[in-house]
N, C-alpha and C. Protein backbone atom coordinates (compact mmCIF):
# COMPACT_ATOMS: atom_id res chain seq x y z
N MET A 1 1.05 -1.07 -0.02
CA MET A 1 -0.05 -0.10 -0.09
C MET A 1 0.75 1.19 -0.47
N ASN A 2 0.23 2.39 -0.69
CA ASN A 2 1.46 3.15 -1.15
C ASN A 2 1.52 4.29 0.45
N GLU A 3 2.13 5.33 0.16
CA GLU A 3 2.00 6.53 1.35
C GLU A 3 0.65 7.11 1.29
N ASN A 4 -0.06 7.25 0.16
CA ASN A 4 -1.02 8.45 -0.02
C ASN A 4 -1.94 7.51 0.71
N LYS A 5 -2.32 6.17 0.25
CA LYS A 5 -3.83 5.36 0.54
C LYS A 5 -3.71 4.97 2.33
N LYS A 6 -2.23 5.21 2.76
CA LYS A 6 -2.21 4.84 4.45
C LYS A 6 -2.62 5.79 4.93
N ALA A 7 -2.34 7.37 4.65
CA ALA A 7 -2.42 9.07 4.83
C ALA A 7 -3.75 8.98 4.98
N LEU A 8 -4.42 8.68 4.09
CA LEU A 8 -6.05 7.92 3.66
C LEU A 8 -7.00 7.87 4.59
N TYR A 9 -6.02 6.37 5.09
CA TYR A 9 -7.03 5.22 5.57
C TYR A 9 -6.82 6.09 7.18
N PHE A 10 -6.01 6.63 7.35
CA PHE A 10 -5.30 7.55 8.30
C PHE A 10 -6.46 8.30 8.75
N SER A 11 -6.63 8.87 7.93
CA SER A 11 -7.74 10.40 8.37
C SER A 11 -8.78 9.94 8.47
N ILE A 12 -9.40 8.74 7.27
CA ILE A 12 -10.65 8.17 7.67
C ILE A 12 -11.03 7.74 9.58
N ILE A 13 -9.86 7.13 9.88
CA ILE A 13 -10.10 6.55 10.82
C ILE A 13 -9.93 7.66 11.92
N LEU A 14 -9.37 8.47 11.98
CA LEU A 14 -9.38 9.81 13.30
C LEU A 14 -10.98 10.52 12.92
N GLY A 15 -11.30 10.73 12.16
CA GLY A 15 -12.52 11.73 11.39
C GLY A 15 -13.44 10.41 12.22
N THR A 16 -13.47 9.06 12.07
CA THR A 16 -14.46 8.32 12.71
C THR A 16 -14.31 8.19 13.82
N ILE A 17 -13.02 8.57 14.49
CA ILE A 17 -12.85 8.16 16.12
C ILE A 17 -13.76 9.41 16.64
N GLY A 18 -13.36 10.54 15.63
CA GLY A 18 -13.61 11.89 16.26
C GLY A 18 -15.40 12.11 16.17
N ASN A 19 -16.25 11.80 15.61
CA ASN A 19 -17.36 12.02 15.18
C ASN A 19 -17.37 11.26 16.39
N ILE A 20 -17.35 9.84 16.47
CA ILE A 20 -17.85 8.79 17.77
C ILE A 20 -17.63 9.65 19.30
N LEU A 21 -16.58 10.76 19.56
CA LEU A 21 -16.15 10.89 21.07
C LEU A 21 -17.50 12.43 21.36
N ILE A 22 -17.54 13.18 19.77
CA ILE A 22 -18.36 13.89 20.06
C ILE A 22 -19.68 13.78 19.91
N ALA A 23 -20.21 12.92 19.53
CA ALA A 23 -21.09 11.95 19.60
C ALA A 23 -22.01 11.85 21.40
N ILE A 24 -20.63 10.51 21.43
CA ILE A 24 -20.62 10.40 23.27
C ILE A 24 -20.88 11.35 23.86
N ALA A 25 -19.88 12.33 23.87
CA ALA A 25 -19.78 14.27 25.05
C ALA A 25 -21.55 14.42 24.49
N THR A 26 -21.95 14.65 23.36
CA THR A 26 -22.87 15.32 23.34
C THR A 26 -24.21 14.46 23.98
N MET A 27 -24.18 13.14 24.00
CA MET A 27 -25.20 12.29 24.71
C MET A 27 -25.15 12.78 26.14
N LYS A 28 -24.20 12.56 26.71
CA LYS A 28 -23.86 12.32 28.25
C LYS A 28 -24.29 13.40 28.74
N TYR A 29 -24.01 14.66 28.15
CA TYR A 29 -24.55 16.27 28.32
C TYR A 29 -26.08 16.41 28.03
N LEU A 30 -26.57 15.94 26.91
CA LEU A 30 -27.85 15.78 26.71
C LEU A 30 -28.89 14.86 27.77
N VAL A 31 -28.25 13.85 28.16
CA VAL A 31 -28.77 12.69 29.27
C VAL A 31 -28.94 13.64 30.72
N LYS A 32 -27.59 14.39 31.01
CA LYS A 32 -27.53 15.28 32.39
C LYS A 32 -28.69 16.76 32.30
N GLU A 33 -29.08 17.08 30.97
CA GLU A 33 -29.69 17.97 31.05
C GLU A 33 -31.05 17.79 31.13
N ASN A 34 -31.40 16.34 30.76
CA ASN A 34 -32.38 16.08 30.13
C ASN A 34 -33.18 16.50 28.96
N ASP A 35 -32.81 17.01 27.96
CA ASP A 35 -32.97 17.49 27.04
C ASP A 35 -33.48 16.72 25.70
N ILE A 36 -34.67 16.04 25.52
CA ILE A 36 -34.96 15.16 24.26
C ILE A 36 -34.76 15.44 22.79
N LEU A 37 -35.51 17.20 23.02
CA LEU A 37 -35.17 17.89 21.64
C LEU A 37 -33.97 17.74 21.21
N GLY A 38 -33.12 18.44 22.09
CA GLY A 38 -31.39 18.45 21.11
C GLY A 38 -30.98 17.18 21.08
N TYR A 39 -31.49 15.91 22.20
CA TYR A 39 -31.04 15.02 21.45
C TYR A 39 -31.54 14.61 20.14
N GLY A 40 -32.49 14.91 19.30
CA GLY A 40 -33.27 14.29 18.62
C GLY A 40 -32.55 15.49 16.87
N ILE A 41 -31.98 16.57 17.68
CA ILE A 41 -31.17 17.63 16.42
C ILE A 41 -30.07 17.40 16.42
N ILE A 42 -29.27 16.93 17.59
CA ILE A 42 -27.81 16.41 17.58
C ILE A 42 -27.74 15.04 16.32
N LEU A 43 -28.36 14.12 16.93
CA LEU A 43 -28.75 12.76 16.29
C LEU A 43 -29.14 12.87 14.61
N PHE A 44 -29.83 13.85 14.20
CA PHE A 44 -30.16 14.42 13.16
C PHE A 44 -28.77 15.03 12.22
N GLY A 45 -27.93 15.74 13.34
CA GLY A 45 -26.67 16.45 12.72
C GLY A 45 -25.56 15.30 12.32
N LEU A 46 -25.67 14.65 13.46
CA LEU A 46 -24.35 13.52 12.86
C LEU A 46 -24.92 12.19 11.91
N VAL A 47 -26.02 12.41 11.64
CA VAL A 47 -26.49 11.37 10.75
C VAL A 47 -26.03 12.67 9.11
N LEU A 48 -26.40 13.84 9.40
CA LEU A 48 -26.09 14.67 7.75
C LEU A 48 -24.51 14.47 8.05
N THR A 49 -23.90 14.36 8.58
CA THR A 49 -22.71 14.74 8.83
C THR A 49 -21.85 12.99 8.34
N ASN A 50 -22.60 12.19 9.09
CA ASN A 50 -21.89 11.48 7.94
C ASN A 50 -22.22 10.51 6.65
N LEU A 51 -23.48 11.27 6.38
CA LEU A 51 -23.52 11.17 4.63
C LEU A 51 -22.74 11.89 3.82
N TYR A 52 -22.40 12.87 3.99
CA TYR A 52 -21.40 13.73 3.97
C TYR A 52 -19.85 13.06 3.79
N ILE A 53 -19.29 12.85 4.78
CA ILE A 53 -18.35 12.03 5.09
C ILE A 53 -18.64 10.83 3.77
N SER A 54 -19.78 10.36 4.15
CA SER A 54 -19.88 8.98 3.05
C SER A 54 -19.34 9.18 1.81
N ASP A 55 -20.14 10.55 1.11
CA ASP A 55 -19.87 11.21 -0.02
C ASP A 55 -18.77 11.45 -0.53
N LEU A 56 -17.84 12.02 0.33
CA LEU A 56 -16.19 12.54 0.01
C LEU A 56 -15.62 11.11 0.41
N GLU A 57 -15.91 10.76 0.94
CA GLU A 57 -15.21 8.95 0.75
C GLU A 57 -15.31 8.34 -0.78
N LYS A 58 -16.88 8.58 -1.21
CA LYS A 58 -16.56 7.79 -2.42
C LYS A 58 -16.20 8.69 -3.36
N LYS A 59 -15.97 9.73 -3.41
CA LYS A 59 -15.28 10.61 -4.62
C LYS A 59 -13.76 10.54 -4.46
N ALA A 60 -13.52 10.44 -3.13
CA ALA A 60 -11.71 9.89 -2.76
C ALA A 60 -11.26 8.62 -3.21
N GLY A 61 -12.42 7.62 -4.05
CA GLY A 61 -12.40 6.37 -4.23
C GLY A 61 -12.15 5.34 -3.00
N ILE A 62 -12.34 5.36 -1.98
CA ILE A 62 -12.48 4.87 -1.14
C ILE A 62 -13.65 3.50 -1.01
N ARG A 63 -12.88 2.19 -1.33
CA ARG A 63 -13.80 0.79 -1.28
C ARG A 63 -15.25 1.17 -0.48
N LYS A 64 -16.45 0.76 -0.95
CA LYS A 64 -17.65 0.53 -0.24
C LYS A 64 -17.48 -0.11 0.71
N LYS A 65 -16.84 -1.19 0.76
CA LYS A 65 -16.80 -2.23 2.05
C LYS A 65 -16.16 -1.36 3.50
N LEU A 66 -15.34 -0.75 3.22
CA LEU A 66 -14.66 0.17 3.72
C LEU A 66 -15.26 1.14 4.38
N THR A 67 -16.09 1.91 3.91
CA THR A 67 -17.22 2.57 4.15
C THR A 67 -18.20 1.77 4.94
N LEU A 68 -18.54 0.89 4.63
CA LEU A 68 -19.57 0.18 5.69
C LEU A 68 -19.68 -0.07 6.59
N ILE A 69 -18.49 -0.45 6.57
CA ILE A 69 -17.19 -0.63 8.13
C ILE A 69 -17.56 0.58 8.85
N ARG A 70 -17.16 1.43 8.34
CA ARG A 70 -16.70 2.42 9.06
C ARG A 70 -18.36 3.05 9.50
N VAL A 71 -19.29 2.69 8.89
CA VAL A 71 -20.73 3.25 9.02
C VAL A 71 -21.31 2.32 10.11
N PHE A 72 -20.90 0.85 10.07
CA PHE A 72 -21.39 -0.10 11.11
C PHE A 72 -20.60 0.53 12.50
N PHE A 73 -19.12 0.49 12.69
CA PHE A 73 -18.70 0.46 14.03
C PHE A 73 -19.52 1.89 14.43
N VAL A 74 -19.62 3.35 13.99
CA VAL A 74 -20.32 4.22 14.39
C VAL A 74 -21.21 4.39 14.76
N THR A 75 -22.23 3.92 13.87
CA THR A 75 -23.78 3.06 14.46
C THR A 75 -23.80 2.32 15.97
N LEU A 76 -23.37 1.50 16.01
CA LEU A 76 -23.02 0.56 17.08
C LEU A 76 -22.34 1.32 17.91
N SER A 77 -21.40 1.95 18.24
CA SER A 77 -20.58 2.87 19.18
C SER A 77 -22.29 3.90 19.35
N LEU A 78 -22.76 4.53 18.77
CA LEU A 78 -23.87 5.37 19.41
C LEU A 78 -24.99 4.26 19.69
N PHE A 79 -25.72 3.32 19.30
CA PHE A 79 -26.06 2.52 20.17
C PHE A 79 -25.84 2.41 21.70
N ILE A 80 -24.69 1.87 21.26
CA ILE A 80 -24.25 1.37 22.72
C ILE A 80 -23.95 2.48 23.70
N SER A 81 -23.28 3.42 23.39
CA SER A 81 -23.31 4.59 24.50
C SER A 81 -24.36 5.49 24.64
N ALA A 82 -25.73 4.94 23.74
CA ALA A 82 -27.03 5.71 24.56
C ALA A 82 -27.73 4.99 25.21
N LEU A 83 -27.78 3.31 25.08
CA LEU A 83 -27.94 2.09 25.79
C LEU A 83 -27.48 2.70 27.48
N TYR A 84 -26.14 3.16 27.75
CA TYR A 84 -25.36 2.99 28.42
C TYR A 84 -26.35 4.25 29.00
N PHE A 85 -26.14 5.44 28.67
CA PHE A 85 -26.13 6.78 29.16
C PHE A 85 -27.54 7.06 29.61
N PHE A 86 -28.94 5.94 28.74
CA PHE A 86 -30.00 6.63 28.89
C PHE A 86 -30.45 5.44 29.95
N TYR A 87 -30.17 4.37 30.74
CA TYR A 87 -30.31 3.37 31.19
C TYR A 87 -29.32 3.25 32.21
N TYR A 88 -28.09 3.38 32.32
CA TYR A 88 -27.54 3.59 33.82
C TYR A 88 -27.46 4.80 34.36
């Protein structure tokens, strides 16, 4: 794998981790404040951001399999953190 692809994949990983961390911190704050409307707005914003990132990955030539894996991990981590914050 050439250096350009490695840098691109590294950027994708960092961007995904950043999205997950922002989502977890936002959920924690919204649970503390008990703001259901804010939770919906943040969730909608994260969905739009992930759609935009997926579109950029498609234009950059990233394989669809890698994009689906990223979306799966983001969805799974948001679901687990939502369960944790809302039920514990």
